[in-house]
Amino acid sequence: PTAKPTPKATPEDTTTAGEKNALRAAKNYLDFTAFSYSGLIKQLEYEGYSNDEAVYAADNCGANWNQQALKSAKNYLDYMPFSYSGLIKQLEYEGFTTKQATYGVDNCKADWNKQAVKAAKNYLDYMDFSRDGLIQQLEFDGFTHEQAVYGAEANGY
């Protein structure tokens, strides 16, 4: 009689309870809101998972990080106006790579002129600006000169 071969361990066999729980938590977070890879790891660590468990979860959760950046870009634009470059910087701050952030912003279908109008209105609701001062502020925020002028003119300048 020949000996039965020893079954080979599969990655599933070596997954710890902490890794499985972190992975389940990661998937739950991603169902609720957008995260960058590093942002998800930080959130899981905040919840008490070890770095190894959090990295395992981020590596195995099946997230498309470009799509997460797109979802995050849209979420930001639902609440406040951004310029194209300002939104990329915000996504990078959240932990997305430049490539991921650019993908998200390029595909969020924002009307940057409308974003400039909203930003100008927000400024004018709280502060007094001259026309040139408002345009300069919008340019500082990353709007192009044309977008800044459009935003100022749409708000009465």
Protein backbone atom coordinates (compact mmCIF):
# COMPACT_ATOMS: atom_id res chain seq x y z
CA PRO A 1 0.00 0.00 0.00
CA THR A 2 1.19 3.48 -0.83
CA ALA A 3 0.95 6.28 1.69
CA LYS A 4 -1.61 8.96 1.02
CA PRO A 5 0.03 12.24 0.06
CA THR A 6 -0.08 14.88 2.72
CA PRO A 7 -2.52 17.59 1.67
CA LYS A 8 -0.83 20.85 0.82
CA ALA A 9 -1.77 23.81 2.96
CA THR A 10 -3.77 26.43 1.16
CA PRO A 11 -3.55 30.12 2.02
CA GLU A 12 -7.00 29.79 3.58
CA ASP A 13 -5.67 27.16 5.99
CA THR A 14 -3.03 29.54 7.33
CA THR A 15 -5.27 32.57 7.74
CA THR A 16 -5.54 33.58 11.38
CA ALA A 17 -8.77 34.49 13.12
CA GLY A 18 -7.52 38.08 13.37
CA GLU A 19 -6.87 38.23 9.63
CA LYS A 20 -10.32 36.78 8.86
CA ASN A 21 -12.00 39.29 11.17
CA ALA A 22 -9.96 42.19 9.78
CA LEU A 23 -10.91 41.14 6.25
CA ARG A 24 -14.60 41.02 7.18
CA ALA A 25 -14.30 44.45 8.82
CA ALA A 26 -12.51 45.85 5.75
CA LYS A 27 -15.27 44.64 3.44
CA ASN A 28 -17.89 46.15 5.75
CA TYR A 29 -16.09 49.51 5.76
CA LEU A 30 -15.84 49.48 1.96
CA ASP A 31 -19.55 48.76 1.69
CA PHE A 32 -20.18 51.90 3.74
CA THR A 33 -17.67 54.42 2.39
CA ALA A 34 -14.56 54.86 0.24
CA PHE A 35 -11.06 54.25 1.57
CA SER A 36 -7.59 54.38 0.14
CA TYR A 37 -5.36 51.36 0.74
CA SER A 38 -3.40 53.15 3.45
CA GLY A 39 -6.53 54.76 4.88
CA LEU A 40 -8.17 51.37 5.26
CA ILE A 41 -5.12 49.98 7.03
CA LYS A 42 -5.10 52.95 9.41
CA GLN A 43 -8.81 52.52 10.13
CA LEU A 44 -8.38 48.83 10.88
CA GLU A 45 -5.41 49.53 13.14
CA TYR A 46 -7.49 52.16 14.92
CA GLU A 47 -10.08 49.44 15.52
CA GLY A 48 -7.41 47.35 17.23
CA TYR A 49 -6.21 45.07 14.48
CA SER A 50 -2.46 44.54 14.21
CA ASN A 51 -0.60 46.00 11.25
CA ASP A 52 -0.16 42.50 9.79
CA GLU A 53 -3.90 41.82 10.10
CA ALA A 54 -4.82 45.19 8.59
CA VAL A 55 -2.40 44.76 5.68
CA TYR A 56 -3.73 41.25 5.06
CA ALA A 57 -7.27 42.65 4.94
CA ALA A 58 -6.36 45.51 2.59
CA ASP A 59 -4.45 43.13 0.33
CA ASN A 60 -7.30 40.61 0.16
CA CYS A 61 -10.50 42.66 0.32
CA GLY A 62 -10.83 42.85 -3.45
CA ALA A 63 -11.02 46.63 -3.57
CA ASN A 64 -10.36 48.47 -6.80
CA TRP A 65 -8.43 51.46 -5.46
CA ASN A 66 -9.15 53.56 -8.56
CA GLN A 67 -12.86 53.02 -8.00
CA GLN A 68 -12.43 53.87 -4.33
CA ALA A 69 -10.75 57.15 -5.35
CA LEU A 70 -13.62 57.89 -7.72
CA LYS A 71 -16.19 57.17 -5.02
CA SER A 72 -14.28 59.39 -2.59
CA ALA A 73 -14.06 62.22 -5.13
CA LYS A 74 -17.81 62.11 -5.69
CA ASN A 75 -18.43 62.03 -1.94
CA TYR A 76 -16.32 65.14 -1.42
CA LEU A 77 -18.09 67.00 -4.21
CA ASP A 78 -21.45 66.19 -2.62
CA TYR A 79 -20.47 68.29 0.40
CA MET A 80 -18.12 71.01 -0.74
CA PRO A 81 -16.69 72.58 -3.88
CA PHE A 82 -13.20 71.73 -5.08
CA SER A 83 -11.00 72.68 -7.98
CA TYR A 84 -9.54 69.88 -10.08
CA SER A 85 -6.11 70.19 -8.49
CA GLY A 86 -7.55 70.78 -5.03
CA LEU A 87 -9.54 67.57 -5.18
CA ILE A 88 -6.49 65.59 -6.29
CA LYS A 89 -4.55 67.01 -3.33
CA GLN A 90 -7.39 66.10 -0.97
CA LEU A 91 -7.48 62.52 -2.22
CA GLU A 92 -3.71 62.25 -1.91
CA TYR A 93 -4.01 63.52 1.66
CA GLU A 94 -6.51 60.70 2.26
CA GLY A 95 -3.83 58.24 1.15
CA PHE A 96 -4.60 57.66 -2.50
CA THR A 97 -1.64 57.57 -4.85
CA THR A 98 -1.36 60.39 -7.37
CA LYS A 99 -2.41 57.97 -10.11
CA GLN A 100 -5.47 56.81 -8.15
CA ALA A 101 -6.43 60.36 -7.16
CA THR A 102 -6.09 61.56 -10.74
CA TYR A 103 -8.22 58.67 -11.95
CA GLY A 104 -10.92 59.56 -9.43
CA VAL A 105 -10.95 63.23 -10.32
CA ASP A 106 -10.75 62.61 -14.07
CA ASN A 107 -13.78 60.34 -13.90
CA CYS A 108 -16.01 62.08 -11.34
CA LYS A 109 -17.74 64.14 -14.07
CA ALA A 110 -17.43 67.38 -12.15
CA ASP A 111 -18.24 70.67 -13.84
CA TRP A 112 -15.28 72.75 -12.65
CA ASN A 113 -17.02 76.02 -13.57
CA LYS A 114 -19.93 75.06 -11.31
CA GLN A 115 -17.45 74.14 -8.60
CA ALA A 116 -15.90 77.62 -8.93
CA VAL A 117 -19.36 79.20 -8.65
CA LYS A 118 -20.07 77.25 -5.46
CA ALA A 119 -16.66 78.07 -3.99
CA ALA A 120 -17.09 81.78 -4.78
CA LYS A 121 -20.55 81.77 -3.18
CA ASN A 122 -19.16 80.12 -0.06
CA TYR A 123 -16.48 82.77 0.25
CA LEU A 124 -18.93 85.61 -0.31
CA ASP A 125 -21.34 84.21 2.28
CA TYR A 126 -18.72 84.69 4.98
CA MET A 127 -16.31 87.37 3.78
CA ASP A 128 -16.19 90.52 1.70
CA PHE A 129 -14.06 90.29 -1.42
CA SER A 130 -13.33 92.61 -4.27
CA ARG A 131 -13.75 91.02 -7.69
CA ASP A 132 -9.99 90.69 -8.12
CA GLY A 133 -9.56 89.43 -4.58
CA LEU A 134 -12.18 86.73 -5.10
CA ILE A 135 -10.60 85.65 -8.38
CA GLN A 136 -7.18 85.50 -6.71
CA GLN A 137 -8.59 83.40 -3.87
CA LEU A 138 -10.21 80.96 -6.28
CA GLU A 139 -6.96 80.70 -8.25
CA PHE A 140 -5.12 80.04 -4.98
CA ASP A 141 -7.60 77.19 -4.39
CA GLY A 142 -6.53 75.69 -7.72
CA PHE A 143 -9.15 76.96 -10.12
CA THR A 144 -7.91 78.14 -13.49
CA HIS A 145 -8.15 81.86 -14.21
CA GLU A 146 -11.08 81.21 -16.53
CA GLN A 147 -12.90 79.13 -13.91
CA ALA A 148 -12.23 81.75 -11.22
CA VAL A 149 -13.59 84.55 -13.43
CA TYR A 150 -16.63 82.42 -14.24
CA GLY A 151 -17.21 81.80 -10.53
CA ALA A 152 -16.91 85.47 -9.67
CA GLU A 153 -19.17 86.62 -12.52
CA ALA A 154 -21.82 84.04 -11.65
CA ASN A 155 -21.89 85.59 -8.18
CA GLY A 156 -22.49 89.13 -9.35
CA TYR A 157 -19.02 90.39 -10.29
